[in-house]
N, C-alpha and C. Protein backbone atom coordinates (compact mmCIF):
# COMPACT_ATOMS: atom_id res chain seq x y z
N MET A 1 -95.95 -109.91 -133.57
CA MET A 1 -94.72 -110.28 -132.89
C MET A 1 -94.59 -111.80 -132.80
N GLY A 2 -95.70 -112.50 -132.52
CA GLY A 2 -95.66 -113.95 -132.41
C GLY A 2 -95.21 -114.61 -133.69
N ALA A 3 -95.64 -114.08 -134.84
CA ALA A 3 -95.23 -114.64 -136.14
C ALA A 3 -93.72 -114.52 -136.31
N TYR A 4 -93.14 -113.43 -135.86
CA TYR A 4 -91.69 -113.23 -135.96
C TYR A 4 -90.95 -114.27 -135.13
N TRP A 5 -91.43 -114.55 -133.92
CA TRP A 5 -90.79 -115.53 -133.06
C TRP A 5 -90.87 -116.93 -133.64
N ARG A 6 -91.93 -117.23 -134.38
CA ARG A 6 -92.12 -118.57 -134.94
C ARG A 6 -91.46 -118.75 -136.31
N LYS A 7 -90.87 -117.70 -136.89
CA LYS A 7 -90.37 -117.75 -138.26
C LYS A 7 -89.28 -118.79 -138.46
N ASP A 8 -88.51 -119.12 -137.43
CA ASP A 8 -87.40 -120.06 -137.58
C ASP A 8 -87.86 -121.53 -137.56
N TYR A 9 -89.10 -121.78 -137.27
CA TYR A 9 -89.60 -123.14 -137.25
C TYR A 9 -90.12 -123.50 -138.64
N ASP A 10 -89.78 -124.70 -139.09
CA ASP A 10 -90.11 -125.10 -140.45
C ASP A 10 -91.51 -125.66 -140.60
N SER A 11 -92.29 -125.64 -139.57
CA SER A 11 -93.60 -126.25 -139.63
C SER A 11 -94.67 -125.21 -139.94
N GLU A 12 -95.47 -125.52 -140.93
CA GLU A 12 -96.62 -124.66 -141.24
C GLU A 12 -97.72 -124.83 -140.19
N THR A 13 -97.62 -125.90 -139.42
CA THR A 13 -98.65 -126.21 -138.42
C THR A 13 -98.08 -126.08 -137.00
N PHE A 14 -97.16 -125.15 -136.83
CA PHE A 14 -96.47 -125.01 -135.55
C PHE A 14 -97.44 -124.82 -134.39
N GLN A 15 -98.37 -123.91 -134.52
CA GLN A 15 -99.31 -123.65 -133.43
C GLN A 15 -100.14 -124.88 -133.11
N GLU A 16 -100.60 -125.58 -134.13
CA GLU A 16 -101.37 -126.80 -133.91
C GLU A 16 -100.50 -127.88 -133.28
N ASP A 17 -99.22 -127.97 -133.71
CA ASP A 17 -98.30 -128.94 -133.12
C ASP A 17 -98.09 -128.66 -131.64
N MET A 18 -97.93 -127.40 -131.29
CA MET A 18 -97.73 -127.03 -129.89
C MET A 18 -98.98 -127.30 -129.05
N GLN A 19 -100.14 -127.04 -129.62
CA GLN A 19 -101.40 -127.32 -128.93
C GLN A 19 -101.54 -128.82 -128.68
N SER A 20 -101.19 -129.62 -129.67
CA SER A 20 -101.25 -131.07 -129.54
C SER A 20 -100.28 -131.55 -128.46
N LEU A 21 -99.07 -131.00 -128.46
CA LEU A 21 -98.08 -131.36 -127.46
C LEU A 21 -98.57 -131.00 -126.05
N LEU A 22 -99.14 -129.82 -125.91
CA LEU A 22 -99.69 -129.40 -124.63
C LEU A 22 -100.76 -130.37 -124.16
N GLU A 23 -101.65 -130.78 -125.05
CA GLU A 23 -102.71 -131.70 -124.68
C GLU A 23 -102.17 -133.07 -124.29
N GLN A 24 -101.07 -133.49 -124.93
CA GLN A 24 -100.45 -134.76 -124.59
C GLN A 24 -99.77 -134.71 -123.22
N LEU A 25 -99.15 -133.57 -122.90
CA LEU A 25 -98.42 -133.43 -121.65
C LEU A 25 -99.30 -133.09 -120.45
N LYS A 26 -100.46 -132.54 -120.71
CA LYS A 26 -101.31 -132.05 -119.62
C LYS A 26 -101.64 -133.11 -118.57
N PRO A 27 -101.99 -134.35 -118.92
CA PRO A 27 -102.27 -135.33 -117.88
C PRO A 27 -101.06 -135.60 -116.97
N MET A 28 -99.86 -135.68 -117.54
CA MET A 28 -98.67 -135.89 -116.71
C MET A 28 -98.41 -134.68 -115.81
N TYR A 29 -98.58 -133.50 -116.37
CA TYR A 29 -98.40 -132.26 -115.62
C TYR A 29 -99.36 -132.22 -114.43
N GLU A 30 -100.62 -132.56 -114.68
CA GLU A 30 -101.62 -132.54 -113.60
C GLU A 30 -101.30 -133.59 -112.54
N GLN A 31 -100.83 -134.76 -112.94
CA GLN A 31 -100.46 -135.79 -111.97
C GLN A 31 -99.24 -135.38 -111.16
N LEU A 32 -98.27 -134.77 -111.81
CA LEU A 32 -97.08 -134.30 -111.11
C LEU A 32 -97.45 -133.26 -110.06
N HIS A 33 -98.28 -132.31 -110.44
CA HIS A 33 -98.68 -131.27 -109.49
C HIS A 33 -99.53 -131.84 -108.36
N ALA A 34 -100.36 -132.82 -108.65
CA ALA A 34 -101.15 -133.46 -107.59
C ALA A 34 -100.22 -134.16 -106.60
N TYR A 35 -99.21 -134.84 -107.11
CA TYR A 35 -98.23 -135.52 -106.26
C TYR A 35 -97.50 -134.52 -105.37
N VAL A 36 -97.06 -133.40 -105.97
CA VAL A 36 -96.32 -132.38 -105.21
C VAL A 36 -97.24 -131.76 -104.16
N ARG A 37 -98.48 -131.43 -104.53
CA ARG A 37 -99.42 -130.88 -103.53
C ARG A 37 -99.61 -131.85 -102.38
N HIS A 38 -99.76 -133.13 -102.69
CA HIS A 38 -99.95 -134.16 -101.66
C HIS A 38 -98.75 -134.20 -100.71
N LYS A 39 -97.54 -134.24 -101.27
CA LYS A 39 -96.33 -134.29 -100.44
C LYS A 39 -96.18 -133.02 -99.60
N LEU A 40 -96.44 -131.85 -100.21
CA LEU A 40 -96.33 -130.60 -99.46
C LEU A 40 -97.40 -130.51 -98.37
N ALA A 41 -98.61 -130.98 -98.65
CA ALA A 41 -99.67 -130.96 -97.64
C ALA A 41 -99.32 -131.89 -96.49
N ASN A 42 -98.73 -133.04 -96.79
CA ASN A 42 -98.31 -133.94 -95.72
C ASN A 42 -97.24 -133.30 -94.84
N PHE A 43 -96.34 -132.54 -95.46
CA PHE A 43 -95.24 -131.92 -94.72
C PHE A 43 -95.69 -130.67 -93.96
N TYR A 44 -96.40 -129.76 -94.64
CA TYR A 44 -96.78 -128.49 -94.04
C TYR A 44 -98.16 -128.50 -93.39
N GLY A 45 -99.00 -129.42 -93.80
CA GLY A 45 -100.35 -129.48 -93.26
C GLY A 45 -101.39 -129.01 -94.27
N ASP A 46 -102.58 -129.58 -94.14
CA ASP A 46 -103.67 -129.23 -95.06
C ASP A 46 -104.12 -127.78 -94.93
N ASP A 47 -103.86 -127.17 -93.80
CA ASP A 47 -104.23 -125.76 -93.63
C ASP A 47 -103.32 -124.83 -94.42
N LYS A 48 -102.14 -125.31 -94.84
CA LYS A 48 -101.21 -124.50 -95.62
C LYS A 48 -101.24 -124.83 -97.11
N VAL A 49 -101.56 -126.08 -97.44
CA VAL A 49 -101.57 -126.53 -98.83
C VAL A 49 -102.90 -127.22 -99.13
N ASP A 50 -103.71 -126.57 -99.93
CA ASP A 50 -104.98 -127.16 -100.35
C ASP A 50 -104.68 -128.19 -101.43
N ARG A 51 -105.16 -129.40 -101.24
CA ARG A 51 -104.85 -130.50 -102.16
C ARG A 51 -105.54 -130.37 -103.52
N HIS A 52 -106.39 -129.37 -103.69
CA HIS A 52 -107.12 -129.21 -104.95
C HIS A 52 -106.91 -127.83 -105.59
N GLU A 53 -106.01 -127.06 -105.05
CA GLU A 53 -105.74 -125.71 -105.56
C GLU A 53 -104.30 -125.64 -106.08
N PRO A 54 -103.94 -124.58 -106.77
CA PRO A 54 -102.55 -124.44 -107.22
C PRO A 54 -101.58 -124.48 -106.04
N ILE A 55 -100.38 -124.92 -106.32
CA ILE A 55 -99.34 -125.02 -105.29
C ILE A 55 -98.91 -123.61 -104.90
N PRO A 56 -98.88 -123.29 -103.61
CA PRO A 56 -98.38 -121.98 -103.19
C PRO A 56 -96.92 -121.80 -103.62
N ALA A 57 -96.65 -120.79 -104.41
CA ALA A 57 -95.34 -120.61 -105.02
C ALA A 57 -94.22 -120.51 -103.99
N HIS A 58 -94.48 -119.91 -102.85
CA HIS A 58 -93.42 -119.71 -101.87
C HIS A 58 -92.97 -121.02 -101.22
N LEU A 59 -93.68 -122.11 -101.45
CA LEU A 59 -93.28 -123.40 -100.88
C LEU A 59 -92.39 -124.21 -101.82
N LEU A 60 -92.18 -123.74 -103.04
CA LEU A 60 -91.45 -124.53 -104.03
C LEU A 60 -89.93 -124.40 -103.93
N GLY A 61 -89.43 -123.59 -103.02
CA GLY A 61 -88.00 -123.52 -102.80
C GLY A 61 -87.25 -122.60 -103.75
N ASN A 62 -87.94 -121.96 -104.66
CA ASN A 62 -87.33 -121.04 -105.61
C ASN A 62 -88.36 -119.96 -105.90
N MET A 63 -87.97 -118.71 -105.73
CA MET A 63 -88.93 -117.62 -105.84
C MET A 63 -89.67 -117.58 -107.18
N TRP A 64 -89.01 -118.02 -108.24
CA TRP A 64 -89.62 -117.97 -109.57
C TRP A 64 -90.09 -119.35 -110.03
N GLN A 65 -90.01 -120.34 -109.19
CA GLN A 65 -90.43 -121.72 -109.47
C GLN A 65 -89.73 -122.30 -110.70
N GLN A 66 -88.48 -121.88 -110.94
CA GLN A 66 -87.74 -122.38 -112.09
C GLN A 66 -87.33 -123.83 -111.90
N ASP A 67 -87.07 -124.21 -110.69
CA ASP A 67 -86.75 -125.60 -110.40
C ASP A 67 -87.23 -125.91 -108.99
N TRP A 68 -87.31 -127.18 -108.72
CA TRP A 68 -87.80 -127.61 -107.41
C TRP A 68 -86.71 -128.34 -106.63
N ASN A 69 -85.46 -128.05 -106.95
CA ASN A 69 -84.34 -128.71 -106.27
C ASN A 69 -84.39 -128.51 -104.76
N GLY A 70 -84.85 -127.34 -104.33
CA GLY A 70 -84.89 -127.04 -102.91
C GLY A 70 -85.86 -127.90 -102.12
N ILE A 71 -86.80 -128.54 -102.78
CA ILE A 71 -87.77 -129.39 -102.07
C ILE A 71 -87.69 -130.85 -102.52
N TYR A 72 -86.62 -131.19 -103.24
CA TYR A 72 -86.50 -132.56 -103.74
C TYR A 72 -86.56 -133.58 -102.61
N SER A 73 -85.95 -133.27 -101.48
CA SER A 73 -85.94 -134.23 -100.38
C SER A 73 -87.36 -134.54 -99.90
N LEU A 74 -88.29 -133.61 -100.07
CA LEU A 74 -89.69 -133.86 -99.70
C LEU A 74 -90.42 -134.65 -100.79
N LEU A 75 -89.96 -134.53 -102.02
CA LEU A 75 -90.68 -135.09 -103.16
C LEU A 75 -90.13 -136.42 -103.66
N GLU A 76 -88.93 -136.76 -103.26
CA GLU A 76 -88.29 -137.97 -103.78
C GLU A 76 -89.21 -139.17 -103.61
N PRO A 77 -89.59 -139.83 -104.70
CA PRO A 77 -90.61 -140.88 -104.62
C PRO A 77 -90.15 -142.13 -103.86
N PHE A 78 -88.91 -142.53 -104.00
CA PHE A 78 -88.41 -143.72 -103.31
C PHE A 78 -87.08 -143.39 -102.65
N PRO A 79 -87.11 -142.70 -101.51
CA PRO A 79 -85.87 -142.19 -100.92
C PRO A 79 -84.88 -143.28 -100.50
N ASN A 80 -85.36 -144.48 -100.23
CA ASN A 80 -84.46 -145.54 -99.78
C ASN A 80 -84.03 -146.48 -100.90
N ALA A 81 -84.48 -146.23 -102.11
CA ALA A 81 -84.14 -147.09 -103.24
C ALA A 81 -82.72 -146.80 -103.71
N GLN A 82 -82.05 -147.85 -104.17
CA GLN A 82 -80.70 -147.69 -104.69
C GLN A 82 -80.77 -147.05 -106.08
N ALA A 83 -79.89 -146.11 -106.34
CA ALA A 83 -79.87 -145.45 -107.64
C ALA A 83 -79.46 -146.45 -108.72
N VAL A 84 -80.03 -146.29 -109.90
CA VAL A 84 -79.73 -147.17 -111.01
C VAL A 84 -78.69 -146.50 -111.90
N ASP A 85 -77.59 -147.19 -112.15
CA ASP A 85 -76.55 -146.65 -113.03
C ASP A 85 -76.77 -147.22 -114.43
N VAL A 86 -77.13 -146.36 -115.37
CA VAL A 86 -77.40 -146.81 -116.73
C VAL A 86 -76.23 -146.50 -117.67
N THR A 87 -75.11 -146.13 -117.12
CA THR A 87 -73.95 -145.75 -117.93
C THR A 87 -73.57 -146.86 -118.91
N ASN A 88 -73.42 -148.08 -118.43
CA ASN A 88 -72.97 -149.17 -119.30
C ASN A 88 -74.03 -149.55 -120.33
N SER A 89 -75.29 -149.43 -120.00
CA SER A 89 -76.33 -149.80 -120.95
C SER A 89 -76.45 -148.78 -122.08
N ALA A 90 -75.95 -147.58 -121.88
CA ALA A 90 -76.01 -146.56 -122.92
C ALA A 90 -74.96 -146.80 -123.99
N GLY A 91 -73.94 -147.55 -123.67
CA GLY A 91 -72.91 -147.84 -124.66
C GLY A 91 -72.00 -146.65 -124.89
N THR A 92 -71.22 -146.74 -125.95
CA THR A 92 -70.27 -145.66 -126.25
C THR A 92 -70.61 -145.02 -127.59
N TYR A 93 -71.87 -144.78 -127.79
CA TYR A 93 -72.31 -144.18 -129.05
C TYR A 93 -71.87 -142.72 -129.14
N SER A 94 -71.51 -142.34 -130.34
CA SER A 94 -71.16 -140.93 -130.55
C SER A 94 -72.43 -140.12 -130.65
N ILE A 95 -72.31 -138.84 -130.51
CA ILE A 95 -73.48 -137.97 -130.63
C ILE A 95 -74.06 -138.06 -132.04
N PHE A 96 -73.22 -138.29 -133.02
CA PHE A 96 -73.70 -138.43 -134.40
C PHE A 96 -74.56 -139.68 -134.55
N TYR A 97 -74.12 -140.77 -133.92
CA TYR A 97 -74.89 -142.01 -133.98
C TYR A 97 -76.24 -141.85 -133.26
N THR A 98 -76.20 -141.19 -132.13
CA THR A 98 -77.38 -141.02 -131.31
C THR A 98 -78.47 -140.26 -132.05
N PHE A 99 -78.12 -139.24 -132.80
CA PHE A 99 -79.10 -138.39 -133.45
C PHE A 99 -79.32 -138.71 -134.93
N ARG A 100 -78.82 -139.85 -135.37
CA ARG A 100 -79.04 -140.27 -136.75
C ARG A 100 -80.45 -140.66 -137.03
């Protein structure tokens, strides 16, 4: 079944490519989860959130953990910082130009 799902990808090394991507992303993933555990432990207490264990799913604000929008106010790294508008720096490039 897995071979059928991968048939549309043009890479003969798809599995190796995905493994490499996972290994590249893993440090960021681990840091993100450590940050979230830290923030949740500060809010709920160390007795509810162990800083070295997986994040309790029911605290993530979404039953399936699809997004963390419900807890963004707890996680926002710089809540008092002014938002940066990058609209003008992006220019008026067309989608064709962007993906050339």
